[in-house]
Protein backbone atom coordinates (compact mmCIF):
# COMPACT_ATOMS: atom_id res chain seq x y z
CA MET A 1 118.39 88.19 89.58
CA SER A 2 114.61 88.29 89.97
CA ALA A 3 112.71 91.24 91.45
CA ASN A 4 111.79 89.14 94.47
CA SER A 5 115.45 88.21 95.05
CA LYS A 6 116.48 91.86 94.86
CA GLN A 7 113.77 92.78 97.35
CA LEU A 8 114.99 90.14 99.79
CA LEU A 9 118.42 91.77 99.71
CA GLN A 10 116.97 94.90 101.30
CA PRO A 11 117.50 95.05 105.10
CA GLY A 12 114.30 94.07 106.88
CA ALA A 13 112.76 92.23 103.92
CA GLU A 14 112.52 88.98 105.90
CA ALA A 15 110.98 90.87 108.83
CA VAL A 16 108.29 92.23 106.49
CA ILE A 17 107.46 88.67 105.47
CA THR A 18 107.32 87.33 109.04
CA LYS A 19 105.84 90.37 110.86
CA GLY A 20 104.06 92.28 108.12
CA TRP A 21 104.96 95.75 106.85
CA LEU A 22 103.60 97.59 109.88
CA GLY A 23 105.31 95.24 112.29
CA ALA A 24 108.62 95.75 110.50
CA HIS A 25 108.29 99.56 110.54
CA ARG A 26 106.55 100.20 113.87
CA TRP A 27 109.35 102.08 115.60
CA LEU A 28 110.31 103.94 112.45
CA ILE A 29 106.73 105.19 112.10
CA LEU A 30 106.64 106.24 115.75
CA ARG A 31 109.95 108.10 115.38
CA ARG A 32 108.80 109.97 112.32
CA SER A 33 105.55 110.85 114.09
CA SER A 34 107.56 112.17 117.03
CA GLN A 35 109.96 114.23 114.91
CA ILE A 36 107.27 115.75 112.70
CA GLY A 37 104.87 116.19 115.62
CA ILE A 38 107.45 118.15 117.64
CA LEU A 39 108.13 120.41 114.66
CA LEU A 40 104.42 121.03 114.22
CA LEU A 41 104.02 121.95 117.90
CA PHE A 42 106.50 124.77 117.32
CA LEU A 43 105.05 125.80 113.96
CA VAL A 44 101.32 125.96 114.75
CA GLY A 45 102.00 129.08 116.82
CA PRO A 46 103.36 131.33 114.07
CA TRP A 47 101.23 129.62 111.42
CA PHE A 48 97.82 129.52 113.12
CA GLY A 49 98.23 131.42 116.37
CA TRP A 50 97.96 128.25 118.50
CA TRP A 51 100.81 128.84 120.95
CA ILE A 52 101.14 125.39 122.46
CA VAL A 53 104.93 125.66 122.48
CA LYS A 54 106.87 128.91 122.32
CA GLY A 55 110.57 129.10 121.50
CA ASN A 56 112.80 126.56 119.78
CA LEU A 57 114.79 123.41 120.48
CA SER A 58 117.31 125.43 122.50
CA PHE A 59 114.72 126.83 124.90
CA SER A 60 110.96 126.39 124.86
CA HIS A 61 107.97 127.07 127.05
CA THR A 62 105.07 124.62 126.74
CA LEU A 63 101.56 125.86 127.62
CA ASN A 64 103.24 128.69 129.55
CA ILE A 65 104.06 126.15 132.26
CA LEU A 66 106.81 123.74 131.27
CA PRO A 67 110.28 125.16 130.48
CA LEU A 68 112.65 122.95 128.48
CA THR A 69 116.26 123.98 127.89
CA ASP A 70 119.02 122.30 125.92
CA PRO A 71 121.82 121.58 128.45
CA TYR A 72 124.43 121.80 125.66
CA ILE A 73 123.38 125.40 124.95
CA ILE A 74 123.49 126.32 128.64
CA LEU A 75 126.94 124.79 129.05
CA GLN A 76 128.23 126.87 126.15
CA SER A 77 126.50 129.94 127.57
CA LEU A 78 128.11 129.46 130.98
CA LEU A 79 131.54 129.01 129.40
CA ALA A 80 130.94 132.19 127.43
CA GLY A 81 130.37 134.03 130.71
CA HIS A 82 126.60 134.40 130.51
CA VAL A 83 124.54 133.55 133.58
CA SER A 84 121.25 131.81 132.84
CA ASP A 85 118.05 132.68 134.66
CA LYS A 86 116.22 130.36 137.03
CA MET A 87 113.65 129.23 134.45
CA ALA A 88 116.36 128.20 131.96
CA LEU A 89 118.18 126.23 134.64
CA THR A 90 114.92 124.55 135.63
CA GLY A 91 114.47 123.59 131.99
CA VAL A 92 117.96 122.09 131.91
CA LEU A 93 117.20 119.95 134.95
CA ILE A 94 113.95 118.66 133.40
CA VAL A 95 115.61 117.81 130.07
CA THR A 96 118.62 116.15 131.71
CA VAL A 97 116.45 113.95 133.93
CA PHE A 98 114.27 113.04 130.94
CA TYR A 99 117.24 111.89 128.85
CA LEU A 100 118.75 110.06 131.79
CA LEU A 101 115.57 107.99 131.70
CA VAL A 102 115.02 107.49 127.96
CA GLY A 103 118.60 107.69 126.66
CA GLY A 104 120.59 110.77 125.76
CA ARG A 105 120.87 110.07 122.07
CA SER A 106 117.16 109.48 121.85
CA PHE A 107 117.25 113.20 121.05
CA CYS A 108 119.01 112.34 117.78
CA SER A 109 116.49 109.74 116.62
CA TRP A 110 113.23 111.00 118.14
CA VAL A 111 113.55 114.80 118.19
CA CYS A 112 116.30 116.16 115.93
CA PRO A 113 114.88 117.39 112.59
CA VAL A 114 118.24 116.96 110.81
CA ASN A 115 117.87 113.21 111.35
CA LEU A 116 115.06 113.34 108.78
CA LEU A 117 117.58 114.58 106.21
CA THR A 118 120.37 112.18 107.08
CA ASP A 119 118.03 109.19 107.15
CA ALA A 120 116.71 110.27 103.74
CA ALA A 121 120.29 110.40 102.45
CA TYR A 122 120.96 106.89 103.77
CA TRP A 123 117.71 105.58 102.22
CA LEU A 124 118.65 107.02 98.82
CA ARG A 125 122.25 105.82 99.19
CA VAL A 126 120.99 102.25 99.60
CA ARG A 127 118.55 102.53 96.70
CA LEU A 128 121.23 103.94 94.39
CA GLY A 129 123.67 101.25 95.47
CA ILE A 130 126.36 103.75 96.45
CA LYS A 131 129.29 101.82 97.89
CA GLY A 132 132.39 102.88 99.74
CA SER A 133 132.75 105.56 102.34
CA ALA A 134 135.29 108.03 103.66
CA HIS A 135 137.02 106.99 106.88
CA ILE A 136 136.61 109.40 109.76
CA SER A 137 136.90 108.23 113.35
CA ARG A 138 133.70 108.30 115.37
CA GLN A 139 135.76 109.99 118.08
CA THR A 140 136.01 113.07 115.84
CA ARG A 141 132.64 114.28 117.11
CA TYR A 142 134.06 114.52 120.64
CA TRP A 143 136.97 116.61 119.40
CA ILE A 144 134.47 118.90 117.64
CA LEU A 145 132.38 119.02 120.83
CA GLY A 146 135.46 120.08 122.77
CA MET A 147 136.28 122.76 120.20
CA THR A 148 132.77 124.24 120.42
CA LEU A 149 133.15 124.56 124.20
CA VAL A 150 136.61 126.11 123.88
CA ALA A 151 135.29 128.51 121.23
CA ALA A 152 132.50 129.63 123.58
CA ALA A 153 134.99 130.29 126.40
CA VAL A 154 137.46 132.14 124.16
CA THR A 155 134.99 134.28 122.19
CA GLY A 156 132.42 134.93 124.91
CA SER A 157 129.63 133.85 122.58
CA ILE A 158 127.89 130.64 121.56
CA VAL A 159 129.76 130.38 118.27
CA TRP A 160 128.54 126.90 117.39
CA GLU A 161 124.91 128.00 117.18
CA MET A 162 125.74 130.19 114.19
CA VAL A 163 126.45 127.09 112.08
CA ASN A 164 124.66 124.31 113.97
CA PRO A 165 122.51 122.52 111.30
CA VAL A 166 119.87 121.66 113.92
CA SER A 167 119.41 125.29 114.96
CA MET A 168 119.67 126.54 111.38
CA MET A 169 116.94 124.17 110.22
CA HIS A 170 114.68 125.19 113.08
CA ARG A 171 115.25 128.91 112.48
CA GLY A 172 114.78 128.42 108.76
CA LEU A 173 111.29 126.98 109.25
CA PHE A 174 110.32 130.17 111.08
CA PHE A 175 112.20 132.92 109.30
CA GLY A 176 113.26 131.49 105.92
CA PHE A 177 116.27 129.33 105.24
CA GLY A 178 118.74 131.64 103.50
CA LEU A 179 122.25 130.27 104.13
CA ALA A 180 120.71 127.36 106.05
CA TRP A 181 119.79 125.76 102.71
CA ALA A 182 123.49 125.51 101.81
CA VAL A 183 124.48 124.03 105.19
CA LEU A 184 121.67 121.47 105.21
CA LEU A 185 122.28 120.54 101.59
CA ALA A 186 125.97 120.03 102.39
CA VAL A 187 125.06 117.68 105.27
CA TRP A 188 122.68 115.73 103.03
CA LEU A 189 125.18 115.42 100.17
CA PHE A 190 127.94 114.43 102.60
CA ASP A 191 125.83 111.56 103.94
CA LEU A 192 124.67 110.56 100.47
CA PHE A 193 127.94 110.52 98.55
CA VAL A 194 130.84 110.75 100.99
CA MET A 195 130.11 108.81 104.16
CA ARG A 196 127.36 106.52 105.44
CA HIS A 197 125.80 108.17 108.51
CA GLY A 198 128.66 110.64 108.29
CA TRP A 199 127.20 113.67 110.02
CA CYS A 200 125.24 112.10 112.87
CA GLY A 201 127.59 109.17 113.41
CA HIS A 202 130.96 110.87 113.12
CA LEU A 203 130.85 114.66 113.25
CA CYS A 204 127.84 116.11 115.09
CA PRO A 205 128.84 117.54 118.50
CA VAL A 206 125.19 117.68 119.60
CA GLY A 207 124.94 113.89 119.42
CA ALA A 208 128.33 113.61 121.11
CA PHE A 209 127.11 115.73 124.01
CA TYR A 210 123.89 113.76 124.46
CA SER A 211 125.83 110.51 124.37
CA LEU A 212 127.58 111.64 127.56
CA ILE A 213 124.17 111.86 129.24
CA GLY A 214 123.11 108.58 127.61
CA LYS A 215 126.01 106.75 129.22
CA TRP A 216 123.92 106.34 132.38
CA SER A 217 120.42 106.24 130.89
CA LEU A 218 117.81 103.79 132.10
CA THR A 219 116.16 102.75 128.80
CA ARG A 220 118.19 100.28 126.76
CA ILE A 221 117.88 97.84 123.90
CA ARG A 222 117.84 94.30 125.27
CA LEU A 223 118.59 91.07 123.42
CA PRO A 224 116.68 88.36 125.34
CA LEU A 225 116.64 86.13 122.24
CA ARG A 226 120.18 86.64 121.03
CA THR A 227 120.66 82.89 120.63
CA ALA A 228 117.99 83.06 117.91
CA CYS A 229 120.18 85.33 115.78
CA ASN A 230 120.65 83.89 112.26
CA ASP A 231 123.46 86.33 111.32
CA CYS A 232 121.40 88.03 108.61
CA MET A 233 123.20 91.32 109.45
CA ASP A 234 120.06 93.42 108.88
CA CYS A 235 120.45 95.11 112.26
CA PHE A 236 124.00 96.17 111.37
CA ALA A 237 122.81 97.45 107.99
CA VAL A 238 120.16 99.80 109.40
CA CYS A 239 121.81 100.88 112.67
CA PRO A 240 123.32 104.39 112.54
CA GLU A 241 125.84 103.26 115.19
CA PRO A 242 126.42 99.59 114.27
CA GLN A 243 129.47 99.30 116.51
CA VAL A 244 127.15 99.25 119.55
CA ILE A 245 125.46 95.98 118.53
CA ARG A 246 128.24 93.42 118.27
CA PRO A 247 129.38 93.21 121.93
CA ALA A 248 125.86 92.49 123.15
CA LEU A 249 124.88 90.28 120.22
CA LYS A 250 128.01 88.12 120.27
CA ALA A 251 128.70 88.29 124.03
CA ILE A 252 132.10 89.87 123.41
CA GLY A 253 134.09 89.89 126.63
CA GLY A 254 131.16 88.39 128.52
CA THR A 255 128.86 91.30 127.64
CA PRO A 256 125.29 90.63 128.78
CA PRO A 257 122.44 90.72 126.23
CA LEU A 258 122.10 94.47 126.67
CA ILE A 259 123.36 97.40 124.60
CA LEU A 260 125.06 99.67 127.12
CA GLU A 261 127.13 101.72 124.67
CA ALA A 262 126.33 105.42 125.10
CA ASN A 263 126.00 106.09 121.37
CA CYS A 264 122.99 103.83 120.89
CA THR A 265 120.24 106.19 119.72
CA ASN A 266 117.37 103.95 120.87
CA CYS A 267 115.86 104.35 117.39
CA GLY A 268 114.36 100.86 117.47
CA ARG A 269 115.28 100.00 113.88
CA CYS A 270 117.11 96.85 114.98
CA ILE A 271 113.85 95.74 116.60
CA ASP A 272 111.89 96.46 113.43
CA VAL A 273 114.14 94.66 110.94
CA CYS A 274 114.88 91.55 113.01
CA SER A 275 112.71 88.68 111.83
CA LYS A 276 113.73 86.64 114.91
CA ASP A 277 112.68 89.31 117.45
CA VAL A 278 116.13 89.27 119.03
CA PHE A 279 115.84 92.91 120.17
CA VAL A 280 113.36 94.63 122.50
CA PHE A 281 113.23 97.81 124.53
CA GLY A 282 113.87 97.39 128.24
CA THR A 283 115.94 98.78 131.09
CA ARG A 284 119.63 98.51 131.89
CA PHE A 285 118.79 96.40 134.96
CA ASN A 286 116.91 93.64 133.16
CA HIS A 287 119.29 91.00 131.79
CA SER A 288 116.76 88.19 131.47
CA VAL A 289 117.23 85.82 128.56
CA ALA A 290 115.15 83.12 126.97
CA THR A 291 115.82 79.60 125.76
CA VAL A 292 115.69 79.25 121.98
CA ALA A 293 115.39 75.90 120.21
CA GLY A 294 116.54 74.09 123.31
CA VAL A 295 119.71 76.16 123.68
CA SER A 296 119.94 77.98 126.98
CA GLN A 297 121.87 81.19 127.41
CA VAL A 298 123.60 82.23 130.60
CA THR A 299 123.85 85.89 131.40
CA PRO A 300 127.19 86.99 132.91
CA LYS A 301 126.84 88.60 136.28
């Protein structure tokens, strides 16, 4: 097999040819800029004394004006019997409204620093040609979510935060990693050798919690050109939650050309790698479709 043939086997190779490298990586670049930029906003304070944002991903104060609070943390805190102050509750309201607009699991793809590790594991897994995967139900994350809430109620403390890879990574950047190295390495190795998108797609209770918010979010991936699909499967290959694509792409059960599944992370990779521009960002209320090559598509009402 020639080098060019091998390259074409990589997901998104055809999109690179038709749209150019930047066009086929636009949303990926924006996501990485967002993830790294948010980390830097927290780090420039202790590093350079520029206190733009104080705190962490659980609770932060931006420019001494804007409070932002993780609703998952507050829920655990309330179950543990701790009453949050007015500013923390205001931060919860702001964050909840924001993710109701942009999609709950946008946190996973645009904010969460652990996503950088798990995406790196997937990238290397593809390059090394690692096949096969353990089989763990995607519903497992909801069972783990439930257990973290029960643990908070029973113990009177936010037990999950002691081992939460997201919190451990954030604390490690400030105070040194210590045990966090072992936890983060375990997550990375699990995704690399044991299970494709194993942590984020099957086990992480943080993503499970934000998917509950994302169930009603406004921003969605639309498929106005789904009749142009050539079944290349690139979108399935790069999507961390590929099960969300098929109903909208294949009109399963009369599904409109709109991904409504709560676990869509709105990462935009399906948009990047599609050479036919089947996918675009839009809202849950816009079901408009286009005519492709003379074939009209009717959207179910």
